[in-house]
Amino acid sequence: MSTTEVSKWQVVMKQFHYKRKAYVSIFLTLIFVQILGMLFSFTSNGGGSGDSIGISYGYTLYSSSAIIMMTLLWAFISSLLLTTKAYKFDDFLFVTNRLTSNVSNVLFLLFMSLLGAITTSLASLVFRLLLFLLKDSESLVMMNMGIGDWIMGVVVAFLYILLVATIGYLIGTVFQWGIIGRILVPVVVLSTLFSRQGEDSLVVLIGSIYVEEPVFLLYFVKVFLTAGLLLTLSTILTNRMEVRS
């Protein structure tokens, strides 16, 4: 490995560690949105009633899905912010170029996604505990969760968060392309949201490629290939920009 390569990697790591410490507001926002997600989770997700052999019963469903949804929203907005000039100018505290800046951002997105996944799974456990303490514990029926299930939940959440973060990063990068990007982004987003293929919207069809994948290994490959493609496109676009726009 040449001295130049080592030097570039050192710059990347310095930028990454700087961002990890300087962008603490991003992680404080994560805590806030997950607490908000827990509050939303206490609202009923559905329920019903019935009777059997002369016994009437009713049930209410609770889910911690609001926590992961709020975390995904946080990841999308945070990755958008990374592409703004205010954040990009921080890179020029170091001897840098577009490539090292993008690589450090990729590391930050990976770190951000991992932290978001771990805290999401922990917040879900806290929600289950609060539900047990605040509701009638004798009438609660909860799904059993072992350590293996928890780890799998962290991995799946990490992949979802990473996918959403890379989408946000690409959109933010395109948006920085002046007037062309600011016209292109709304047009593509709105056309994607309102386009339909049969009875389903295009967004639902694209999302089903990942959400409805039953084989975890294929899901893992799909997410990483998509994230890699999106990050590569972002890098190509930013490398075409001036060194400091």
C-alpha atoms as a PDB file:
ATOM      1  CA  MET A   1       0.000   0.000   0.000  1.00  0.00           C
ATOM      2  CA  SER A   2       1.441   3.374  -0.963  1.00  0.00           C
ATOM      3  CA  THR A   3       1.931   6.363   1.308  1.00  0.00           C
ATOM      4  CA  THR A   4      -0.757   8.233  -0.644  1.00  0.00           C
ATOM      5  CA  GLU A   5      -3.320   5.470  -0.046  1.00  0.00           C
ATOM      6  CA  VAL A   6      -2.539   5.379   3.670  1.00  0.00           C
ATOM      7  CA  SER A   7      -2.827   9.157   3.825  1.00  0.00           C
ATOM      8  CA  LYS A   8      -6.232   9.109   2.122  1.00  0.00           C
ATOM      9  CA  TRP A   9      -7.532   6.427   4.466  1.00  0.00           C
ATOM     10  CA  GLN A  10      -6.290   8.418   7.461  1.00  0.00           C
ATOM     11  CA  VAL A  11      -8.148  11.483   6.177  1.00  0.00           C
ATOM     12  CA  VAL A  12     -11.309   9.406   5.730  1.00  0.00           C
ATOM     13  CA  MET A  13     -11.108   8.078   9.295  1.00  0.00           C
ATOM     14  CA  LYS A  14     -10.417  11.548  10.710  1.00  0.00           C
ATOM     15  CA  GLN A  15     -13.451  12.891   8.879  1.00  0.00           C
ATOM     16  CA  PHE A  16     -15.594   9.992  10.084  1.00  0.00           C
ATOM     17  CA  HIS A  17     -14.559  10.402  13.738  1.00  0.00           C
ATOM     18  CA  TYR A  18     -15.070  14.158  13.484  1.00  0.00           C
ATOM     19  CA  LYS A  19     -18.599  13.678  12.118  1.00  0.00           C
ATOM     20  CA  ARG A  20     -19.405  11.065  14.740  1.00  0.00           C
ATOM     21  CA  LYS A  21     -18.551  13.563  17.482  1.00  0.00           C
ATOM     22  CA  ALA A  22     -19.704  16.797  15.826  1.00  0.00           C
ATOM     23  CA  TYR A  23     -23.103  15.624  14.610  1.00  0.00           C
ATOM     24  CA  VAL A  24     -24.341  14.728  18.077  1.00  0.00           C
ATOM     25  CA  SER A  25     -27.619  16.552  17.359  1.00  0.00           C
ATOM     26  CA  ILE A  26     -28.466  13.822  14.832  1.00  0.00           C
ATOM     27  CA  PHE A  27     -28.259  11.174  17.557  1.00  0.00           C
ATOM     28  CA  LEU A  28     -30.164  13.290  20.079  1.00  0.00           C
ATOM     29  CA  THR A  29     -32.908  13.589  17.474  1.00  0.00           C
ATOM     30  CA  LEU A  30     -32.897   9.788  17.176  1.00  0.00           C
ATOM     31  CA  ILE A  31     -33.667   9.456  20.889  1.00  0.00           C
ATOM     32  CA  PHE A  32     -36.486  11.985  20.591  1.00  0.00           C
ATOM     33  CA  VAL A  33     -38.160  10.335  17.578  1.00  0.00           C
ATOM     34  CA  GLN A  34     -37.949   6.883  19.168  1.00  0.00           C
ATOM     35  CA  ILE A  35     -39.592   8.152  22.361  1.00  0.00           C
ATOM     36  CA  LEU A  36     -42.255   9.678  20.129  1.00  0.00           C
ATOM     37  CA  GLY A  37     -42.574   6.318  18.375  1.00  0.00           C
ATOM     38  CA  MET A  38     -43.113   4.579  21.716  1.00  0.00           C
ATOM     39  CA  LEU A  39     -45.898   7.022  22.574  1.00  0.00           C
ATOM     40  CA  PHE A  40     -47.564   6.337  19.220  1.00  0.00           C
ATOM     41  CA  SER A  41     -47.208   2.600  19.865  1.00  0.00           C
ATOM     42  CA  PHE A  42     -49.446   2.848  22.930  1.00  0.00           C
ATOM     43  CA  THR A  43     -52.363   3.677  20.661  1.00  0.00           C
ATOM     44  CA  SER A  44     -54.243   0.615  19.511  1.00  0.00           C
ATOM     45  CA  ASN A  45     -53.169  -1.008  16.246  1.00  0.00           C
ATOM     46  CA  GLY A  46     -56.475  -2.797  15.950  1.00  0.00           C
ATOM     47  CA  GLY A  47     -58.554  -5.290  17.830  1.00  0.00           C
ATOM     48  CA  GLY A  48     -61.846  -7.076  17.858  1.00  0.00           C
ATOM     49  CA  SER A  49     -64.278  -9.138  19.854  1.00  0.00           C
ATOM     50  CA  GLY A  50     -66.125 -12.409  19.685  1.00  0.00           C
ATOM     51  CA  ASP A  51     -67.594 -15.211  21.719  1.00  0.00           C
ATOM     52  CA  SER A  52     -66.911 -18.895  22.085  1.00  0.00           C
ATOM     53  CA  ILE A  53     -68.841 -21.524  24.042  1.00  0.00           C
ATOM     54  CA  GLY A  54     -70.862 -18.769  25.665  1.00  0.00           C
ATOM     55  CA  ILE A  55     -67.850 -16.657  26.659  1.00  0.00           C
ATOM     56  CA  SER A  56     -67.539 -13.170  25.183  1.00  0.00           C
ATOM     57  CA  TYR A  57     -64.115 -11.652  24.728  1.00  0.00           C
ATOM     58  CA  GLY A  58     -62.422  -8.602  23.269  1.00  0.00           C
ATOM     59  CA  TYR A  59     -58.824  -7.936  22.346  1.00  0.00           C
ATOM     60  CA  THR A  60     -56.595  -5.003  21.447  1.00  0.00           C
ATOM     61  CA  LEU A  61     -53.416  -5.234  19.384  1.00  0.00           C
ATOM     62  CA  TYR A  62     -50.288  -3.245  20.201  1.00  0.00           C
ATOM     63  CA  SER A  63     -47.222  -3.044  17.988  1.00  0.00           C
ATOM     64  CA  SER A  64     -43.877  -1.268  18.191  1.00  0.00           C
ATOM     65  CA  SER A  65     -43.864  -0.686  14.417  1.00  0.00           C
ATOM     66  CA  ALA A  66     -44.218   3.069  14.999  1.00  0.00           C
ATOM     67  CA  ILE A  67     -40.713   3.059  16.500  1.00  0.00           C
ATOM     68  CA  ILE A  68     -39.075   1.654  13.369  1.00  0.00           C
ATOM     69  CA  MET A  69     -41.176   3.952  11.154  1.00  0.00           C
ATOM     70  CA  MET A  70     -40.014   7.021  13.080  1.00  0.00           C
ATOM     71  CA  THR A  71     -36.430   5.749  12.912  1.00  0.00           C
ATOM     72  CA  LEU A  72     -36.680   5.324   9.137  1.00  0.00           C
ATOM     73  CA  LEU A  73     -37.966   8.893   8.835  1.00  0.00           C
ATOM     74  CA  TRP A  74     -35.036  10.061  10.991  1.00  0.00           C
ATOM     75  CA  ALA A  75     -32.546   8.181   8.793  1.00  0.00           C
ATOM     76  CA  PHE A  76     -33.992   9.674   5.607  1.00  0.00           C
ATOM     77  CA  ILE A  77     -33.913  13.273   6.856  1.00  0.00           C
ATOM     78  CA  SER A  78     -30.476  12.899   8.485  1.00  0.00           C
ATOM     79  CA  SER A  79     -28.937  11.511   5.292  1.00  0.00           C
ATOM     80  CA  LEU A  80     -30.448  14.409   3.344  1.00  0.00           C
ATOM     81  CA  LEU A  81     -28.802  16.853   5.740  1.00  0.00           C
ATOM     82  CA  LEU A  82     -25.390  15.262   5.158  1.00  0.00           C
ATOM     83  CA  THR A  83     -25.505  16.443   1.545  1.00  0.00           C
ATOM     84  CA  THR A  84     -26.232  20.096   2.356  1.00  0.00           C
ATOM     85  CA  LYS A  85     -23.511  22.717   2.040  1.00  0.00           C
ATOM     86  CA  ALA A  86     -23.511  23.427   5.781  1.00  0.00           C
ATOM     87  CA  TYR A  87     -22.461  19.827   6.498  1.00  0.00           C
ATOM     88  CA  LYS A  88     -20.198  19.422   3.470  1.00  0.00           C
ATOM     89  CA  PHE A  89     -18.137  22.479   4.400  1.00  0.00           C
ATOM     90  CA  ASP A  90     -17.108  20.634   7.593  1.00  0.00           C
ATOM     91  CA  ASP A  91     -15.061  18.270   5.399  1.00  0.00           C
ATOM     92  CA  PHE A  92     -12.804  21.131   4.387  1.00  0.00           C
ATOM     93  CA  LEU A  93     -11.418  21.333   7.904  1.00  0.00           C
ATOM     94  CA  PHE A  94      -9.200  18.557   6.513  1.00  0.00           C
ATOM     95  CA  VAL A  95      -7.110  18.182   3.375  1.00  0.00           C
ATOM     96  CA  THR A  96      -9.794  16.421   1.386  1.00  0.00           C
ATOM     97  CA  ASN A  97     -11.491  15.782  -1.931  1.00  0.00           C
ATOM     98  CA  ARG A  98     -14.913  14.557  -3.010  1.00  0.00           C
ATOM     99  CA  LEU A  99     -13.900  10.901  -2.816  1.00  0.00           C
ATOM    100  CA  THR A 100     -12.660  10.985   0.786  1.00  0.00           C
ATOM    101  CA  SER A 101     -15.691  13.069   1.745  1.00  0.00           C
ATOM    102  CA  ASN A 102     -18.058  10.489   0.239  1.00  0.00           C
ATOM    103  CA  VAL A 103     -16.268   7.521   1.803  1.00  0.00           C
ATOM    104  CA  SER A 104     -16.410   9.150   5.244  1.00  0.00           C
ATOM    105  CA  ASN A 105     -20.117   9.823   4.677  1.00  0.00           C
ATOM    106  CA  VAL A 106     -20.660   6.160   3.763  1.00  0.00           C
ATOM    107  CA  LEU A 107     -18.962   5.119   7.016  1.00  0.00           C
ATOM    108  CA  PHE A 108     -21.133   7.590   8.895  1.00  0.00           C
ATOM    109  CA  LEU A 109     -24.299   6.225   7.246  1.00  0.00           C
ATOM    110  CA  LEU A 110     -23.276   2.683   8.216  1.00  0.00           C
ATOM    111  CA  PHE A 111     -22.589   3.790  11.800  1.00  0.00           C
ATOM    112  CA  MET A 112     -25.830   5.767  11.915  1.00  0.00           C
ATOM    113  CA  SER A 113     -27.818   2.792  10.597  1.00  0.00           C
ATOM    114  CA  LEU A 114     -26.253   0.375  13.076  1.00  0.00           C
ATOM    115  CA  LEU A 115     -26.883   2.701  16.008  1.00  0.00           C
ATOM    116  CA  GLY A 116     -30.450   3.273  14.830  1.00  0.00           C
ATOM    117  CA  ALA A 117     -31.039  -0.483  14.545  1.00  0.00           C
ATOM    118  CA  ILE A 118     -29.692  -1.240  18.027  1.00  0.00           C
ATOM    119  CA  THR A 119     -31.636   1.574  19.698  1.00  0.00           C
ATOM    120  CA  THR A 120     -34.802   0.622  17.790  1.00  0.00           C
ATOM    121  CA  SER A 121     -34.609  -2.940  19.096  1.00  0.00           C
ATOM    122  CA  LEU A 122     -33.858  -1.690  22.622  1.00  0.00           C
ATOM    123  CA  ALA A 123     -36.753   0.781  22.416  1.00  0.00           C
ATOM    124  CA  SER A 124     -39.042  -2.089  21.382  1.00  0.00           C
ATOM    125  CA  LEU A 125     -37.987  -3.999  24.500  1.00  0.00           C
ATOM    126  CA  VAL A 126     -38.642  -0.921  26.650  1.00  0.00           C
ATOM    127  CA  PHE A 127     -42.077  -0.606  25.038  1.00  0.00           C
ATOM    128  CA  ARG A 128     -42.875  -4.237  25.904  1.00  0.00           C
ATOM    129  CA  LEU A 129     -41.779  -3.611  29.496  1.00  0.00           C
ATOM    130  CA  LEU A 130     -43.875  -0.443  29.798  1.00  0.00           C
ATOM    131  CA  LEU A 131     -46.849  -2.248  28.287  1.00  0.00           C
ATOM    132  CA  PHE A 132     -46.446  -4.981  30.899  1.00  0.00           C
ATOM    133  CA  LEU A 133     -46.228  -2.432  33.739  1.00  0.00           C
ATOM    134  CA  LEU A 134     -48.984  -0.053  32.624  1.00  0.00           C
ATOM    135  CA  LYS A 135     -51.550  -2.501  31.290  1.00  0.00           C
ATOM    136  CA  ASP A 136     -53.254  -5.432  32.978  1.00  0.00           C
ATOM    137  CA  SER A 137     -50.345  -7.886  32.893  1.00  0.00           C
ATOM    138  CA  GLU A 138     -52.581 -10.896  33.583  1.00  0.00           C
ATOM    139  CA  SER A 139     -54.499 -10.366  30.346  1.00  0.00           C
ATOM    140  CA  LEU A 140     -51.467  -9.599  28.160  1.00  0.00           C
ATOM    141  CA  VAL A 141     -50.295 -12.123  25.585  1.00  0.00           C
ATOM    142  CA  MET A 142     -46.842 -11.339  24.212  1.00  0.00           C
ATOM    143  CA  MET A 143     -44.754 -13.025  21.548  1.00  0.00           C
ATOM    144  CA  ASN A 144     -41.741 -14.770  23.034  1.00  0.00           C
ATOM    145  CA  MET A 145     -38.397 -13.285  22.014  1.00  0.00           C
ATOM    146  CA  GLY A 146     -35.020 -14.931  22.545  1.00  0.00           C
ATOM    147  CA  ILE A 147     -31.573 -13.433  22.093  1.00  0.00           C
ATOM    148  CA  GLY A 148     -31.409 -14.900  18.579  1.00  0.00           C
ATOM    149  CA  ASP A 149     -34.683 -13.194  17.638  1.00  0.00           C
ATOM    150  CA  TRP A 150     -33.396  -9.904  19.043  1.00  0.00           C
ATOM    151  CA  ILE A 151     -30.138 -10.104  17.069  1.00  0.00           C
ATOM    152  CA  MET A 152     -32.051 -10.954  13.892  1.00  0.00           C
ATOM    153  CA  GLY A 153     -34.303  -7.963  14.562  1.00  0.00           C
ATOM    154  CA  VAL A 154     -31.244  -5.706  14.841  1.00  0.00           C
ATOM    155  CA  VAL A 155     -29.839  -7.000  11.531  1.00  0.00           C
ATOM    156  CA  VAL A 156     -33.145  -6.580   9.672  1.00  0.00           C
ATOM    157  CA  ALA A 157     -33.655  -3.091  11.129  1.00  0.00           C
ATOM    158  CA  PHE A 158     -30.081  -2.163  10.157  1.00  0.00           C
ATOM    159  CA  LEU A 159     -30.721  -3.172   6.547  1.00  0.00           C
ATOM    160  CA  TYR A 160     -33.995  -1.239   6.344  1.00  0.00           C
ATOM    161  CA  ILE A 161     -32.443   1.878   7.886  1.00  0.00           C
ATOM    162  CA  LEU A 162     -29.382   1.653   5.617  1.00  0.00           C
ATOM    163  CA  LEU A 163     -31.587   1.329   2.531  1.00  0.00           C
ATOM    164  CA  VAL A 164     -33.677   4.372   3.456  1.00  0.00           C
ATOM    165  CA  ALA A 165     -30.555   6.364   4.405  1.00  0.00           C
ATOM    166  CA  THR A 166     -28.887   5.697   1.049  1.00  0.00           C
ATOM    167  CA  ILE A 167     -32.063   6.717  -0.788  1.00  0.00           C
ATOM    168  CA  GLY A 168     -32.083   9.972   1.163  1.00  0.00           C
ATOM    169  CA  TYR A 169     -28.386  10.507   0.488  1.00  0.00           C
ATOM    170  CA  LEU A 170     -28.860  10.080  -3.277  1.00  0.00           C
ATOM    171  CA  ILE A 171     -31.877  12.408  -3.345  1.00  0.00           C
ATOM    172  CA  GLY A 172     -29.942  15.016  -1.369  1.00  0.00           C
ATOM    173  CA  THR A 173     -26.970  14.688  -3.726  1.00  0.00           C
ATOM    174  CA  VAL A 174     -29.140  15.163  -6.818  1.00  0.00           C
ATOM    175  CA  PHE A 175     -30.829  18.145  -5.152  1.00  0.00           C
ATOM    176  CA  GLN A 176     -27.428  19.852  -4.843  1.00  0.00           C
ATOM    177  CA  TRP A 177     -27.121  19.937  -8.653  1.00  0.00           C
ATOM    178  CA  GLY A 178     -28.541  23.433  -8.805  1.00  0.00           C
ATOM    179  CA  ILE A 179     -31.788  24.195 -10.593  1.00  0.00           C
ATOM    180  CA  ILE A 180     -31.715  20.933 -12.576  1.00  0.00           C
ATOM    181  CA  GLY A 181     -31.592  18.821  -9.425  1.00  0.00           C
ATOM    182  CA  ARG A 182     -34.241  20.918  -7.671  1.00  0.00           C
ATOM    183  CA  ILE A 183     -36.622  20.332 -10.560  1.00  0.00           C
ATOM    184  CA  LEU A 184     -35.683  16.690 -11.127  1.00  0.00           C
ATOM    185  CA  VAL A 185     -36.105  15.525  -7.508  1.00  0.00           C
ATOM    186  CA  PRO A 186     -39.756  16.658  -7.038  1.00  0.00           C
ATOM    187  CA  VAL A 187     -40.710  15.382 -10.509  1.00  0.00           C
ATOM    188  CA  VAL A 188     -39.237  11.906  -9.904  1.00  0.00           C
ATOM    189  CA  VAL A 189     -40.558  11.658  -6.326  1.00  0.00           C
ATOM    190  CA  LEU A 190     -44.095  12.765  -7.219  1.00  0.00           C
ATOM    191  CA  SER A 191     -44.262  10.596 -10.331  1.00  0.00           C
ATOM    192  CA  THR A 192     -43.099   7.595  -8.285  1.00  0.00           C
ATOM    193  CA  LEU A 193     -45.651   8.271  -5.550  1.00  0.00           C
ATOM    194  CA  PHE A 194     -48.605   8.651  -7.915  1.00  0.00           C
ATOM    195  CA  SER A 195     -47.691   6.108 -10.600  1.00  0.00           C
ATOM    196  CA  ARG A 196     -49.693   2.892 -10.455  1.00  0.00           C
ATOM    197  CA  GLN A 197     -49.176  -0.579 -11.848  1.00  0.00           C
ATOM    198  CA  GLY A 198     -52.546  -2.269 -11.767  1.00  0.00           C
ATOM    199  CA  GLU A 199     -54.163  -1.771  -8.364  1.00  0.00           C
ATOM    200  CA  ASP A 200     -50.923  -1.047  -6.502  1.00  0.00           C
ATOM    201  CA  SER A 201     -48.813   2.095  -6.545  1.00  0.00           C
ATOM    202  CA  LEU A 202     -45.254   1.949  -7.862  1.00  0.00           C
ATOM    203  CA  VAL A 203     -43.903   2.625  -4.354  1.00  0.00           C
ATOM    204  CA  VAL A 204     -45.748  -0.415  -2.971  1.00  0.00           C
ATOM    205  CA  LEU A 205     -44.482  -2.626  -5.795  1.00  0.00           C
ATOM    206  CA  ILE A 206     -40.880  -1.512  -5.301  1.00  0.00           C
ATOM    207  CA  GLY A 207     -41.160  -1.897  -1.530  1.00  0.00           C
ATOM    208  CA  SER A 208     -42.585  -5.402  -1.865  1.00  0.00           C
ATOM    209  CA  ILE A 209     -39.346  -6.509  -3.552  1.00  0.00           C
ATOM    210  CA  TYR A 210     -37.676  -6.145  -0.155  1.00  0.00           C
ATOM    211  CA  VAL A 211     -40.481  -6.427   2.400  1.00  0.00           C
ATOM    212  CA  GLU A 212     -42.017  -9.612   0.973  1.00  0.00           C
ATOM    213  CA  GLU A 213     -38.723 -11.447   0.429  1.00  0.00           C
ATOM    214  CA  PRO A 214     -39.038 -14.677   2.507  1.00  0.00           C
ATOM    215  CA  VAL A 215     -35.379 -15.753   2.223  1.00  0.00           C
ATOM    216  CA  PHE A 216     -33.181 -13.662   4.522  1.00  0.00           C
ATOM    217  CA  LEU A 217     -29.997 -14.180   2.492  1.00  0.00           C
ATOM    218  CA  LEU A 218     -31.695 -12.889  -0.671  1.00  0.00           C
ATOM    219  CA  TYR A 219     -33.117  -9.946   1.282  1.00  0.00           C
ATOM    220  CA  PHE A 220     -29.606  -9.202   2.592  1.00  0.00           C
ATOM    221  CA  VAL A 221     -28.130  -9.321  -0.925  1.00  0.00           C
ATOM    222  CA  LYS A 222     -30.925  -7.167  -2.388  1.00  0.00           C
ATOM    223  CA  VAL A 223     -30.474  -4.436   0.207  1.00  0.00           C
ATOM    224  CA  PHE A 224     -26.677  -4.334  -0.027  1.00  0.00           C
ATOM    225  CA  LEU A 225     -26.672  -4.329  -3.821  1.00  0.00           C
ATOM    226  CA  THR A 226     -29.259  -1.535  -3.893  1.00  0.00           C
ATOM    227  CA  ALA A 227     -27.454   0.490  -1.222  1.00  0.00           C
ATOM    228  CA  GLY A 228     -24.143  -0.008  -3.035  1.00  0.00           C
ATOM    229  CA  LEU A 229     -25.662   1.150  -6.329  1.00  0.00           C
ATOM    230  CA  LEU A 230     -27.234   4.239  -4.746  1.00  0.00           C
ATOM    231  CA  LEU A 231     -23.994   5.194  -2.986  1.00  0.00           C
ATOM    232  CA  THR A 232     -22.005   4.661  -6.192  1.00  0.00           C
ATOM    233  CA  LEU A 233     -24.367   6.970  -8.078  1.00  0.00           C
ATOM    234  CA  SER A 234     -24.049   9.562  -5.306  1.00  0.00           C
ATOM    235  CA  THR A 235     -20.253   9.366  -5.489  1.00  0.00           C
ATOM    236  CA  ILE A 236     -20.229   9.742  -9.285  1.00  0.00           C
ATOM    237  CA  LEU A 237     -22.511  12.777  -9.079  1.00  0.00           C
ATOM    238  CA  THR A 238     -20.503  14.513  -6.351  1.00  0.00           C
ATOM    239  CA  ASN A 239     -17.208  13.812  -8.120  1.00  0.00           C
ATOM    240  CA  ARG A 240     -18.557  15.792 -11.068  1.00  0.00           C
ATOM    241  CA  MET A 241     -19.173  18.795  -8.874  1.00  0.00           C
ATOM    242  CA  GLU A 242     -16.510  21.382  -8.214  1.00  0.00           C
ATOM    243  CA  VAL A 243     -14.177  20.668  -5.318  1.00  0.00           C
ATOM    244  CA  ARG A 244     -16.068  23.182  -3.254  1.00  0.00           C
ATOM    245  CA  SER A 245     -19.448  24.364  -4.526  1.00  0.00           C
END
